[in-house]
Amino acid sequence: MNVDKQENTVYWQKVIGSESLKIDLKELKSAAYDVFMEESDNYKQKLVYNLLETVRSKDQNRFFYILLKAINKPKENFKELWGKLKENYDVMPEEAFVNFAYAIIIGIMSTYNKGGE
């Protein structure tokens, strides 16, 4: 994980040959915040618990299943988070999963007591 203080970003990066894979964790956290801000704290606590269990067991498939199920609400605005998932899901190496998952979980947790009940 790298922190670029000039750009005020936090990202995971890996260089493979001449190509660089980069995931902006701060943008990911912000997108998760925006999506879940209006949800009830009880709902978010259950979601976070389930997501944390998948991170602990390193089950990426289950993590994405739970997350996609949670954002599959046609009337909600989750386009930014969906875009982040879409651009990173199929190219994310296993070692980036923990950083990726925690960015989303922290984004959700930062909305506690700010959303609707």
C-alpha atoms as a PDB file:
ATOM      1  CA  MET A   1       0.000   0.000   0.000  1.00  0.00           C
ATOM      2  CA  ASN A   2       1.316   3.420  -0.931  1.00  0.00           C
ATOM      3  CA  VAL A   3       0.396   6.882   0.296  1.00  0.00           C
ATOM      4  CA  ASP A   4       0.964   9.830  -2.011  1.00  0.00           C
ATOM      5  CA  LYS A   5       0.834  12.934   0.199  1.00  0.00           C
ATOM      6  CA  GLN A   6       1.059  15.317  -2.742  1.00  0.00           C
ATOM      7  CA  GLU A   7      -2.066  13.876  -4.357  1.00  0.00           C
ATOM      8  CA  ASN A   8      -3.680  13.009  -0.993  1.00  0.00           C
ATOM      9  CA  THR A   9      -4.428   9.469  -2.179  1.00  0.00           C
ATOM     10  CA  VAL A  10      -3.959   6.031  -0.737  1.00  0.00           C
ATOM     11  CA  TYR A  11      -3.588   3.219  -3.196  1.00  0.00           C
ATOM     12  CA  TRP A  12      -2.469  -0.366  -3.624  1.00  0.00           C
ATOM     13  CA  GLN A  13       0.009  -0.822  -6.422  1.00  0.00           C
ATOM     14  CA  LYS A  14       1.953  -3.645  -7.974  1.00  0.00           C
ATOM     15  CA  VAL A  15       4.346  -3.407 -10.887  1.00  0.00           C
ATOM     16  CA  ILE A  16       4.443  -6.410 -13.218  1.00  0.00           C
ATOM     17  CA  GLY A  17       7.082  -5.981 -15.894  1.00  0.00           C
ATOM     18  CA  SER A  18       6.373  -2.618 -17.455  1.00  0.00           C
ATOM     19  CA  GLU A  19       2.715  -2.530 -16.363  1.00  0.00           C
ATOM     20  CA  SER A  20       1.435  -1.100 -13.100  1.00  0.00           C
ATOM     21  CA  LEU A  21      -1.754  -2.274 -11.404  1.00  0.00           C
ATOM     22  CA  LYS A  22      -3.161   0.431  -9.163  1.00  0.00           C
ATOM     23  CA  ILE A  23      -6.268   0.542  -6.950  1.00  0.00           C
ATOM     24  CA  ASP A  24      -7.189   3.894  -5.386  1.00  0.00           C
ATOM     25  CA  LEU A  25      -8.318   2.850  -1.905  1.00  0.00           C
ATOM     26  CA  LYS A  26      -9.432   6.330  -0.872  1.00  0.00           C
ATOM     27  CA  GLU A  27     -11.822   6.586  -3.838  1.00  0.00           C
ATOM     28  CA  LEU A  28     -13.114   3.102  -3.092  1.00  0.00           C
ATOM     29  CA  LYS A  29     -13.781   4.021   0.544  1.00  0.00           C
ATOM     30  CA  SER A  30     -15.558   7.205  -0.541  1.00  0.00           C
ATOM     31  CA  ALA A  31     -17.744   5.321  -3.031  1.00  0.00           C
ATOM     32  CA  ALA A  32     -18.761   2.815  -0.325  1.00  0.00           C
ATOM     33  CA  TYR A  33     -19.544   5.705   2.029  1.00  0.00           C
ATOM     34  CA  ASP A  34     -21.828   7.330  -0.544  1.00  0.00           C
ATOM     35  CA  VAL A  35     -23.711   4.107  -1.261  1.00  0.00           C
ATOM     36  CA  PHE A  36     -24.390   3.072   2.326  1.00  0.00           C
ATOM     37  CA  MET A  37     -24.891   6.443   4.033  1.00  0.00           C
ATOM     38  CA  GLU A  38     -28.697   6.207   3.968  1.00  0.00           C
ATOM     39  CA  GLU A  39     -28.934   2.611   5.201  1.00  0.00           C
ATOM     40  CA  SER A  40     -29.777   1.818   8.821  1.00  0.00           C
ATOM     41  CA  ASP A  41     -26.929   1.143  11.224  1.00  0.00           C
ATOM     42  CA  ASN A  42     -28.357  -2.312  12.029  1.00  0.00           C
ATOM     43  CA  TYR A  43     -28.270  -3.277   8.355  1.00  0.00           C
ATOM     44  CA  LYS A  44     -24.718  -1.955   7.958  1.00  0.00           C
ATOM     45  CA  GLN A  45     -23.478  -3.738  11.085  1.00  0.00           C
ATOM     46  CA  LYS A  46     -24.765  -7.088   9.801  1.00  0.00           C
ATOM     47  CA  LEU A  47     -23.276  -6.404   6.371  1.00  0.00           C
ATOM     48  CA  VAL A  48     -19.896  -5.424   7.821  1.00  0.00           C
ATOM     49  CA  TYR A  49     -19.856  -8.523  10.044  1.00  0.00           C
ATOM     50  CA  ASN A  50     -20.534 -10.763   7.025  1.00  0.00           C
ATOM     51  CA  LEU A  51     -17.917  -8.984   4.904  1.00  0.00           C
ATOM     52  CA  LEU A  52     -15.315  -9.224   7.678  1.00  0.00           C
ATOM     53  CA  GLU A  53     -15.917 -12.970   7.938  1.00  0.00           C
ATOM     54  CA  THR A  54     -15.199 -13.350   4.229  1.00  0.00           C
ATOM     55  CA  VAL A  55     -11.974 -11.351   4.556  1.00  0.00           C
ATOM     56  CA  ARG A  56     -10.889 -13.478   7.505  1.00  0.00           C
ATOM     57  CA  SER A  57     -11.466 -16.644   5.488  1.00  0.00           C
ATOM     58  CA  LYS A  58      -9.985 -15.052   2.311  1.00  0.00           C
ATOM     59  CA  ASP A  59     -13.132 -15.920   0.361  1.00  0.00           C
ATOM     60  CA  GLN A  60     -13.166 -13.331  -2.427  1.00  0.00           C
ATOM     61  CA  ASN A  61     -16.094 -14.933  -4.218  1.00  0.00           C
ATOM     62  CA  ARG A  62     -18.307 -14.756  -1.134  1.00  0.00           C
ATOM     63  CA  PHE A  63     -17.175 -11.166  -0.412  1.00  0.00           C
ATOM     64  CA  PHE A  64     -18.228  -9.998  -3.866  1.00  0.00           C
ATOM     65  CA  TYR A  65     -21.442 -12.004  -3.720  1.00  0.00           C
ATOM     66  CA  ILE A  66     -22.461 -10.321  -0.442  1.00  0.00           C
ATOM     67  CA  LEU A  67     -21.394  -6.864  -1.620  1.00  0.00           C
ATOM     68  CA  LEU A  68     -23.114  -7.105  -5.003  1.00  0.00           C
ATOM     69  CA  LYS A  69     -26.269  -8.394  -3.345  1.00  0.00           C
ATOM     70  CA  ALA A  70     -26.191  -5.393  -1.007  1.00  0.00           C
ATOM     71  CA  ILE A  71     -25.856  -2.832  -3.806  1.00  0.00           C
ATOM     72  CA  ASN A  72     -28.343  -4.462  -6.159  1.00  0.00           C
ATOM     73  CA  LYS A  73     -30.993  -1.810  -5.592  1.00  0.00           C
ATOM     74  CA  PRO A  74     -32.183  -0.255  -8.837  1.00  0.00           C
ATOM     75  CA  LYS A  75     -33.468   2.944  -7.227  1.00  0.00           C
ATOM     76  CA  GLU A  76     -30.273   3.660  -5.302  1.00  0.00           C
ATOM     77  CA  ASN A  77     -27.251   5.558  -6.609  1.00  0.00           C
ATOM     78  CA  PHE A  78     -24.386   3.096  -6.519  1.00  0.00           C
ATOM     79  CA  LYS A  79     -22.867   3.838  -9.932  1.00  0.00           C
ATOM     80  CA  GLU A  80     -19.538   5.075  -8.532  1.00  0.00           C
ATOM     81  CA  LEU A  81     -19.023   1.967  -6.383  1.00  0.00           C
ATOM     82  CA  TRP A  82     -20.177  -0.277  -9.220  1.00  0.00           C
ATOM     83  CA  GLY A  83     -17.633   1.419 -11.498  1.00  0.00           C
ATOM     84  CA  LYS A  84     -14.829   0.801  -8.991  1.00  0.00           C
ATOM     85  CA  LEU A  85     -15.812  -2.843  -8.655  1.00  0.00           C
ATOM     86  CA  LYS A  86     -16.096  -3.294 -12.396  1.00  0.00           C
ATOM     87  CA  GLU A  87     -12.658  -1.832 -13.127  1.00  0.00           C
ATOM     88  CA  ASN A  88     -10.872  -3.812 -10.403  1.00  0.00           C
ATOM     89  CA  TYR A  89     -12.671  -7.126  -9.933  1.00  0.00           C
ATOM     90  CA  ASP A  90     -11.213  -9.170 -12.753  1.00  0.00           C
ATOM     91  CA  VAL A  91      -7.657  -7.809 -12.568  1.00  0.00           C
ATOM     92  CA  MET A  92      -7.191  -7.748  -8.806  1.00  0.00           C
ATOM     93  CA  PRO A  93      -4.442 -10.070  -7.575  1.00  0.00           C
ATOM     94  CA  GLU A  94      -5.191 -12.059  -4.464  1.00  0.00           C
ATOM     95  CA  GLU A  95      -2.745 -10.017  -2.383  1.00  0.00           C
ATOM     96  CA  ALA A  96      -4.727  -6.818  -3.058  1.00  0.00           C
ATOM     97  CA  PHE A  97      -7.977  -8.336  -1.816  1.00  0.00           C
ATOM     98  CA  VAL A  98      -7.480  -7.481   1.861  1.00  0.00           C
ATOM     99  CA  ASN A  99      -6.708  -3.807   1.158  1.00  0.00           C
ATOM    100  CA  PHE A 100      -9.582  -3.623  -1.325  1.00  0.00           C
ATOM    101  CA  ALA A 101     -12.038  -5.247   1.087  1.00  0.00           C
ATOM    102  CA  TYR A 102     -10.997  -3.166   4.098  1.00  0.00           C
ATOM    103  CA  ALA A 103     -11.361   0.069   2.091  1.00  0.00           C
ATOM    104  CA  ILE A 104     -14.972  -0.879   1.360  1.00  0.00           C
ATOM    105  CA  ILE A 105     -15.654  -2.009   4.941  1.00  0.00           C
ATOM    106  CA  ILE A 106     -14.164   1.174   6.432  1.00  0.00           C
ATOM    107  CA  GLY A 107     -16.236   3.232   4.006  1.00  0.00           C
ATOM    108  CA  ILE A 108     -19.375   1.486   5.239  1.00  0.00           C
ATOM    109  CA  MET A 109     -18.386   1.778   8.903  1.00  0.00           C
ATOM    110  CA  SER A 110     -17.672   5.508   8.569  1.00  0.00           C
ATOM    111  CA  THR A 111     -21.405   6.025   7.894  1.00  0.00           C
ATOM    112  CA  TYR A 112     -22.560   4.683  11.257  1.00  0.00           C
ATOM    113  CA  ASN A 113     -25.000   7.079  12.948  1.00  0.00           C
ATOM    114  CA  LYS A 114     -25.140   9.209   9.806  1.00  0.00           C
ATOM    115  CA  GLY A 115     -27.681   7.265   7.780  1.00  0.00           C
ATOM    116  CA  GLY A 116     -31.412   6.809   8.167  1.00  0.00           C
ATOM    117  CA  GLU A 117     -32.880   4.566  10.820  1.00  0.00           C
END
